[in-house]
Amino acid sequence: MVPTSMAASPSRPRRAEREAGIRVDLRAAGLRVTTARIAVLDVLRQATGPLSHAEVVDKLKGRAGDPATVFRNLAALSDAGLAVRADLGDHVWRFESRAGSDKAAPNEGHEHPHFLCRECGSVECMPELEVRTRRGQQVPRAIRERSVEVQFKGVCDDCSTG
């Protein structure tokens, strides 16, 4: 019998199951399957929001090679469509998992806004929002085609109470 604390919950597959899914996704995207690439994508898929390169390196604790190797893998995952790379206005690239995520609601279109704290720099994913325009209103094509990013900037709860 496996203790409850060690059993995988239905929403959080065990590491071996996650890695098997990552291998399939990497092959489907036309990428070589490497230990470093698996580790980087697993970190992105386990994250609750976008991560900077430095945050990914910190979470990996050397399991995926040096920082340059981690960055090359982040770029390759982004180029292949398995991750999204965005600058949220603070000149720091952040990476977030795309389709294939083991989260309850995979973010295949990556169409959700982010909140960036002006004080501490933390980033949080926000619930999906819908932008509506009035009929006949002149707006750029990117908005009509929903090919835009929405960002909120302000002070997070932790910083506003501190």
C-alpha atoms as a PDB file:
ATOM      1  CA  MET A   1       0.000   0.000   0.000  1.00  0.00           C
ATOM      2  CA  VAL A   2       1.305   3.465  -0.950  1.00  0.00           C
ATOM      3  CA  PRO A   3       0.892   6.175   1.678  1.00  0.00           C
ATOM      4  CA  THR A   4      -1.524   8.895   0.585  1.00  0.00           C
ATOM      5  CA  SER A   5       1.173  11.544   0.673  1.00  0.00           C
ATOM      6  CA  MET A   6       3.284   9.583  -1.830  1.00  0.00           C
ATOM      7  CA  ALA A   7       0.552   8.567  -4.248  1.00  0.00           C
ATOM      8  CA  ALA A   8       0.146  10.684  -7.373  1.00  0.00           C
ATOM      9  CA  SER A   9      -3.064  12.657  -7.380  1.00  0.00           C
ATOM     10  CA  PRO A  10      -5.271  12.324 -10.456  1.00  0.00           C
ATOM     11  CA  SER A  11      -4.441  15.927 -11.468  1.00  0.00           C
ATOM     12  CA  ARG A  12      -0.670  15.648 -10.881  1.00  0.00           C
ATOM     13  CA  PRO A  13       0.875  12.734 -12.809  1.00  0.00           C
ATOM     14  CA  ARG A  14       3.959  11.124 -11.392  1.00  0.00           C
ATOM     15  CA  ARG A  15       7.327  12.233 -12.719  1.00  0.00           C
ATOM     16  CA  ALA A  16       7.721   9.171 -14.976  1.00  0.00           C
ATOM     17  CA  GLU A  17       4.299   9.812 -16.522  1.00  0.00           C
ATOM     18  CA  ARG A  18       5.084  13.514 -17.012  1.00  0.00           C
ATOM     19  CA  GLU A  19       8.414  12.702 -18.641  1.00  0.00           C
ATOM     20  CA  ALA A  20       6.795  10.162 -20.967  1.00  0.00           C
ATOM     21  CA  GLY A  21       4.326  12.824 -22.096  1.00  0.00           C
ATOM     22  CA  ILE A  22       7.135  15.333 -22.555  1.00  0.00           C
ATOM     23  CA  ARG A  23       9.073  12.854 -24.719  1.00  0.00           C
ATOM     24  CA  VAL A  24       6.013  12.436 -26.958  1.00  0.00           C
ATOM     25  CA  ASP A  25       5.515  16.208 -27.190  1.00  0.00           C
ATOM     26  CA  LEU A  26       9.190  16.855 -28.005  1.00  0.00           C
ATOM     27  CA  ARG A  27       9.170  14.269 -30.796  1.00  0.00           C
ATOM     28  CA  ALA A  28       5.887  15.613 -32.171  1.00  0.00           C
ATOM     29  CA  ALA A  29       7.416  19.103 -32.264  1.00  0.00           C
ATOM     30  CA  GLY A  30      10.425  17.778 -34.176  1.00  0.00           C
ATOM     31  CA  LEU A  31      12.886  18.279 -31.317  1.00  0.00           C
ATOM     32  CA  ARG A  32      15.529  15.875 -30.127  1.00  0.00           C
ATOM     33  CA  VAL A  33      14.688  14.305 -26.798  1.00  0.00           C
ATOM     34  CA  THR A  34      17.445  15.156 -24.323  1.00  0.00           C
ATOM     35  CA  THR A  35      17.650  14.955 -20.551  1.00  0.00           C
ATOM     36  CA  ALA A  36      18.116  18.733 -20.338  1.00  0.00           C
ATOM     37  CA  ARG A  37      15.156  19.466 -22.594  1.00  0.00           C
ATOM     38  CA  ILE A  38      12.905  17.119 -20.613  1.00  0.00           C
ATOM     39  CA  ALA A  39      13.945  18.769 -17.336  1.00  0.00           C
ATOM     40  CA  VAL A  40      13.402  22.312 -18.658  1.00  0.00           C
ATOM     41  CA  LEU A  41       9.955  21.556 -20.075  1.00  0.00           C
ATOM     42  CA  ASP A  42       8.961  19.718 -16.892  1.00  0.00           C
ATOM     43  CA  VAL A  43       9.871  22.793 -14.813  1.00  0.00           C
ATOM     44  CA  LEU A  44       7.761  25.003 -17.102  1.00  0.00           C
ATOM     45  CA  ARG A  45       4.807  22.614 -16.904  1.00  0.00           C
ATOM     46  CA  GLN A  46       4.965  22.427 -13.116  1.00  0.00           C
ATOM     47  CA  ALA A  47       5.141  26.217 -12.722  1.00  0.00           C
ATOM     48  CA  THR A  48       2.061  28.204 -11.780  1.00  0.00           C
ATOM     49  CA  GLY A  49       3.092  31.151 -13.952  1.00  0.00           C
ATOM     50  CA  PRO A  50       5.750  32.403 -16.338  1.00  0.00           C
ATOM     51  CA  LEU A  51       9.368  31.963 -15.221  1.00  0.00           C
ATOM     52  CA  SER A  52      12.477  33.953 -16.100  1.00  0.00           C
ATOM     53  CA  HIS A  53      15.583  32.164 -17.329  1.00  0.00           C
ATOM     54  CA  ALA A  54      17.180  32.700 -13.899  1.00  0.00           C
ATOM     55  CA  GLU A  55      14.160  31.185 -12.136  1.00  0.00           C
ATOM     56  CA  VAL A  56      14.267  28.112 -14.396  1.00  0.00           C
ATOM     57  CA  VAL A  57      18.015  27.696 -13.759  1.00  0.00           C
ATOM     58  CA  ASP A  58      17.390  27.993 -10.007  1.00  0.00           C
ATOM     59  CA  LYS A  59      14.616  25.372 -10.040  1.00  0.00           C
ATOM     60  CA  LEU A  60      16.741  22.940 -12.088  1.00  0.00           C
ATOM     61  CA  LYS A  61      19.681  23.083  -9.654  1.00  0.00           C
ATOM     62  CA  GLY A  62      22.126  21.948 -12.349  1.00  0.00           C
ATOM     63  CA  ARG A  63      20.010  19.030 -13.678  1.00  0.00           C
ATOM     64  CA  ALA A  64      19.954  20.530 -17.177  1.00  0.00           C
ATOM     65  CA  GLY A  65      23.500  21.789 -17.568  1.00  0.00           C
ATOM     66  CA  ASP A  66      24.825  25.314 -17.376  1.00  0.00           C
ATOM     67  CA  PRO A  67      22.691  28.467 -17.761  1.00  0.00           C
ATOM     68  CA  ALA A  68      23.571  28.800 -21.467  1.00  0.00           C
ATOM     69  CA  THR A  69      22.291  25.273 -22.135  1.00  0.00           C
ATOM     70  CA  VAL A  70      19.085  26.050 -20.247  1.00  0.00           C
ATOM     71  CA  PHE A  71      18.582  29.222 -22.309  1.00  0.00           C
ATOM     72  CA  ARG A  72      19.171  27.390 -25.608  1.00  0.00           C
ATOM     73  CA  ASN A  73      16.581  24.802 -24.565  1.00  0.00           C
ATOM     74  CA  LEU A  74      14.083  27.493 -23.561  1.00  0.00           C
ATOM     75  CA  ALA A  75      14.570  29.149 -26.971  1.00  0.00           C
ATOM     76  CA  ALA A  76      14.182  25.810 -28.792  1.00  0.00           C
ATOM     77  CA  LEU A  77      10.989  25.004 -26.865  1.00  0.00           C
ATOM     78  CA  SER A  78       9.607  28.447 -27.707  1.00  0.00           C
ATOM     79  CA  ASP A  79      10.529  28.137 -31.378  1.00  0.00           C
ATOM     80  CA  ALA A  80       8.854  24.715 -31.509  1.00  0.00           C
ATOM     81  CA  GLY A  81       5.639  26.034 -29.931  1.00  0.00           C
ATOM     82  CA  LEU A  82       5.922  24.067 -26.685  1.00  0.00           C
ATOM     83  CA  ALA A  83       6.604  27.222 -24.658  1.00  0.00           C
ATOM     84  CA  VAL A  84       5.764  30.890 -24.932  1.00  0.00           C
ATOM     85  CA  ARG A  85       8.419  33.577 -24.496  1.00  0.00           C
ATOM     86  CA  ALA A  86       7.277  37.055 -23.517  1.00  0.00           C
ATOM     87  CA  ASP A  87       8.740  40.315 -22.293  1.00  0.00           C
ATOM     88  CA  LEU A  88       6.183  41.748 -19.894  1.00  0.00           C
ATOM     89  CA  GLY A  89       7.592  45.246 -20.164  1.00  0.00           C
ATOM     90  CA  ASP A  90      10.444  44.905 -17.699  1.00  0.00           C
ATOM     91  CA  HIS A  91      13.004  43.702 -20.278  1.00  0.00           C
ATOM     92  CA  VAL A  92      13.109  40.195 -18.774  1.00  0.00           C
ATOM     93  CA  TRP A  93      12.161  37.257 -20.977  1.00  0.00           C
ATOM     94  CA  ARG A  94       9.763  34.920 -19.221  1.00  0.00           C
ATOM     95  CA  PHE A  95       8.792  31.458 -20.402  1.00  0.00           C
ATOM     96  CA  GLU A  96       5.588  29.528 -19.917  1.00  0.00           C
ATOM     97  CA  SER A  97       4.466  26.100 -21.047  1.00  0.00           C
ATOM     98  CA  ARG A  98       2.076  25.887 -23.954  1.00  0.00           C
ATOM     99  CA  ALA A  99      -0.007  22.945 -25.282  1.00  0.00           C
ATOM    100  CA  GLY A 100       0.559  19.564 -23.694  1.00  0.00           C
ATOM    101  CA  SER A 101       0.619  20.912 -20.172  1.00  0.00           C
ATOM    102  CA  ASP A 102      -0.501  18.481 -17.502  1.00  0.00           C
ATOM    103  CA  LYS A 103      -2.504  21.219 -15.788  1.00  0.00           C
ATOM    104  CA  ALA A 104      -6.274  20.903 -15.604  1.00  0.00           C
ATOM    105  CA  ALA A 105      -6.862  23.393 -18.429  1.00  0.00           C
ATOM    106  CA  PRO A 106      -4.011  23.384 -20.958  1.00  0.00           C
ATOM    107  CA  ASN A 107      -3.280  26.811 -22.315  1.00  0.00           C
ATOM    108  CA  GLU A 108      -3.070  25.930 -25.979  1.00  0.00           C
ATOM    109  CA  GLY A 109      -3.590  29.439 -27.303  1.00  0.00           C
ATOM    110  CA  HIS A 110      -1.806  31.189 -24.455  1.00  0.00           C
ATOM    111  CA  GLU A 111      -4.584  33.751 -24.466  1.00  0.00           C
ATOM    112  CA  HIS A 112      -4.567  34.943 -20.894  1.00  0.00           C
ATOM    113  CA  PRO A 113      -3.277  38.158 -19.335  1.00  0.00           C
ATOM    114  CA  HIS A 114      -0.477  38.494 -16.811  1.00  0.00           C
ATOM    115  CA  PHE A 115      -0.101  40.729 -13.768  1.00  0.00           C
ATOM    116  CA  LEU A 116       3.384  42.185 -13.216  1.00  0.00           C
ATOM    117  CA  CYS A 117       4.199  43.658  -9.806  1.00  0.00           C
ATOM    118  CA  ARG A 118       6.079  46.952 -10.135  1.00  0.00           C
ATOM    119  CA  GLU A 119       7.678  46.477  -6.705  1.00  0.00           C
ATOM    120  CA  CYS A 120       8.997  42.896  -6.576  1.00  0.00           C
ATOM    121  CA  GLY A 121       8.737  41.877 -10.235  1.00  0.00           C
ATOM    122  CA  SER A 122       6.570  38.838  -9.570  1.00  0.00           C
ATOM    123  CA  VAL A 123       4.330  37.671 -12.402  1.00  0.00           C
ATOM    124  CA  GLU A 124       0.947  35.994 -12.019  1.00  0.00           C
ATOM    125  CA  CYS A 125      -1.322  34.452 -14.622  1.00  0.00           C
ATOM    126  CA  MET A 126      -4.740  36.072 -14.628  1.00  0.00           C
ATOM    127  CA  PRO A 127      -8.063  34.504 -15.559  1.00  0.00           C
ATOM    128  CA  GLU A 128      -9.048  34.787 -19.192  1.00  0.00           C
ATOM    129  CA  LEU A 129     -10.662  38.060 -20.164  1.00  0.00           C
ATOM    130  CA  GLU A 130     -12.640  38.977 -23.230  1.00  0.00           C
ATOM    131  CA  VAL A 131     -11.979  42.225 -25.070  1.00  0.00           C
ATOM    132  CA  ARG A 132     -15.064  43.564 -26.796  1.00  0.00           C
ATOM    133  CA  THR A 133     -15.234  46.379 -29.289  1.00  0.00           C
ATOM    134  CA  ARG A 134     -18.297  48.264 -30.417  1.00  0.00           C
ATOM    135  CA  ARG A 135     -19.634  47.520 -33.859  1.00  0.00           C
ATOM    136  CA  GLY A 136     -18.090  49.879 -36.391  1.00  0.00           C
ATOM    137  CA  GLN A 137     -15.313  50.927 -34.020  1.00  0.00           C
ATOM    138  CA  GLN A 138     -11.958  51.241 -35.768  1.00  0.00           C
ATOM    139  CA  VAL A 139      -9.402  48.989 -34.056  1.00  0.00           C
ATOM    140  CA  PRO A 140      -6.139  47.457 -35.263  1.00  0.00           C
ATOM    141  CA  ARG A 141      -6.449  44.122 -37.051  1.00  0.00           C
ATOM    142  CA  ALA A 142      -4.397  42.431 -34.307  1.00  0.00           C
ATOM    143  CA  ILE A 143      -7.186  43.142 -31.831  1.00  0.00           C
ATOM    144  CA  ARG A 144      -9.894  41.881 -34.181  1.00  0.00           C
ATOM    145  CA  GLU A 145      -7.865  38.704 -34.783  1.00  0.00           C
ATOM    146  CA  ARG A 146      -7.080  38.355 -31.069  1.00  0.00           C
ATOM    147  CA  SER A 147      -3.364  38.400 -31.706  1.00  0.00           C
ATOM    148  CA  VAL A 148      -2.397  40.627 -28.784  1.00  0.00           C
ATOM    149  CA  GLU A 149      -1.098  40.281 -25.248  1.00  0.00           C
ATOM    150  CA  VAL A 150      -2.867  41.841 -22.274  1.00  0.00           C
ATOM    151  CA  GLN A 151      -0.807  42.855 -19.261  1.00  0.00           C
ATOM    152  CA  PHE A 152      -1.670  44.476 -15.968  1.00  0.00           C
ATOM    153  CA  LYS A 153       0.944  46.316 -13.947  1.00  0.00           C
ATOM    154  CA  GLY A 154       0.539  47.348 -10.357  1.00  0.00           C
ATOM    155  CA  VAL A 155       1.531  46.354  -6.828  1.00  0.00           C
ATOM    156  CA  CYS A 156       0.852  42.753  -5.755  1.00  0.00           C
ATOM    157  CA  ASP A 157      -0.942  41.905  -2.519  1.00  0.00           C
ATOM    158  CA  ASP A 158       2.303  40.892  -0.785  1.00  0.00           C
ATOM    159  CA  CYS A 159       3.987  44.231  -1.552  1.00  0.00           C
ATOM    160  CA  SER A 160       0.930  46.369  -0.770  1.00  0.00           C
ATOM    161  CA  THR A 161       0.607  44.924   2.732  1.00  0.00           C
ATOM    162  CA  GLY A 162       4.322  45.007   3.543  1.00  0.00           C
END
